[in-house]
Amino acid sequence: MTKLKLGPLEDDKPVKLTIELPAAVFRDLKSYAEILRRSGGATTPIEPAKLIAPMIERFMATDHAFTKARRSAAQSNPGAAERSG
């Protein structure tokens, strides 16, 4: 079984953004979605666009410099973290 960084996708109220991706990145998203579908046993296709938010979330969660800077900013401005999310 393939060990992907993303697991099952959560259903959450989205904020709509419009972005442009290089064609190669979109092809990779389509491939990732298909592999995720097969490895998770899903029978319905996964839309590649649904992968973008969890991938960005995972990237930020594992970016130690971002985590450290965010923690530092929250300590220097207590209440900012509560207001931002």
Protein backbone atom coordinates (compact mmCIF):
# COMPACT_ATOMS: atom_id res chain seq x y z
CA MET A 1 0.00 0.00 0.00
CA THR A 2 1.25 3.49 -0.87
CA LYS A 3 1.94 5.76 2.11
CA LEU A 4 0.77 9.23 1.04
CA LYS A 5 1.20 12.34 3.16
CA LEU A 6 -2.52 13.13 2.84
CA GLY A 7 -5.20 11.03 4.42
CA PRO A 8 -8.96 11.23 3.97
CA LEU A 9 -10.18 14.73 3.12
CA GLU A 10 -12.33 16.54 5.65
CA ASP A 11 -15.52 18.27 4.61
CA ASP A 12 -15.17 21.91 5.71
CA LYS A 13 -16.76 25.18 4.66
CA PRO A 14 -14.39 26.52 2.01
CA VAL A 15 -13.21 30.02 1.13
CA LYS A 16 -13.17 30.42 -2.62
CA LEU A 17 -9.89 31.35 -4.32
CA THR A 18 -8.95 31.41 -7.96
CA ILE A 19 -5.42 30.34 -8.80
CA GLU A 20 -3.40 29.43 -11.86
CA LEU A 21 -1.20 26.35 -11.79
CA PRO A 22 1.42 25.20 -14.25
CA ALA A 23 0.08 22.35 -16.39
CA ALA A 24 2.66 19.94 -14.94
CA VAL A 25 1.48 20.68 -11.38
CA PHE A 26 -2.14 20.07 -12.40
CA ARG A 27 -1.19 16.76 -14.02
CA ASP A 28 0.59 15.78 -10.81
CA LEU A 29 -2.49 16.73 -8.77
CA LYS A 30 -4.64 14.52 -11.03
CA SER A 31 -2.21 11.62 -10.56
CA TYR A 32 -2.09 12.16 -6.79
CA ALA A 33 -5.90 12.24 -6.64
CA GLU A 34 -6.13 8.95 -8.53
CA ILE A 35 -3.52 7.26 -6.33
CA LEU A 36 -5.25 8.58 -3.19
CA ARG A 37 -8.60 7.29 -4.47
CA ARG A 38 -7.18 3.82 -5.18
CA SER A 39 -5.24 3.56 -1.92
CA GLY A 40 -8.23 4.70 0.13
CA GLY A 41 -10.64 2.32 -1.56
CA ALA A 42 -12.89 5.13 -2.79
CA THR A 43 -15.08 4.39 -5.78
CA THR A 44 -15.73 7.97 -6.82
CA PRO A 45 -13.02 10.18 -8.34
CA ILE A 46 -11.38 12.84 -6.17
CA GLU A 47 -11.30 16.30 -7.70
CA PRO A 48 -7.68 17.52 -7.94
CA ALA A 49 -8.74 20.95 -6.65
CA LYS A 50 -9.85 19.31 -3.38
CA LEU A 51 -6.23 18.31 -2.72
CA ILE A 52 -4.78 21.83 -2.77
CA ALA A 53 -6.00 23.00 0.66
CA PRO A 54 -4.98 19.82 2.55
CA MET A 55 -1.58 19.88 0.82
CA ILE A 56 -0.97 23.50 1.78
CA GLU A 57 -2.19 22.78 5.32
CA ARG A 58 0.16 19.79 5.59
CA PHE A 59 3.05 21.80 4.17
CA MET A 60 2.56 24.60 6.71
CA ALA A 61 2.12 22.14 9.58
CA THR A 62 5.46 20.51 8.79
CA ASP A 63 7.38 23.74 8.05
CA HIS A 64 9.35 24.16 11.26
CA ALA A 65 10.54 27.69 10.41
CA PHE A 66 6.92 28.79 9.87
CA THR A 67 5.78 27.16 13.12
CA LYS A 68 8.60 28.82 15.04
CA ALA A 69 7.97 32.25 13.48
CA ARG A 70 4.24 31.95 14.12
CA ARG A 71 4.83 31.00 17.76
CA SER A 72 7.27 33.89 18.16
CA ALA A 73 4.79 36.35 16.64
CA ALA A 74 2.02 35.07 18.92
CA GLN A 75 4.24 35.53 21.99
CA SER A 76 5.17 39.08 21.02
CA ASN A 77 1.54 39.93 20.21
CA PRO A 78 -0.68 37.82 22.53
CA GLY A 79 -4.24 37.78 21.08
CA ALA A 80 -3.11 37.87 17.44
CA ALA A 81 -3.46 34.08 17.13
CA GLU A 82 -7.01 34.24 18.49
CA ARG A 83 -7.98 36.92 15.98
CA SER A 84 -6.41 35.16 12.99
CA GLY A 85 -8.09 31.86 13.30
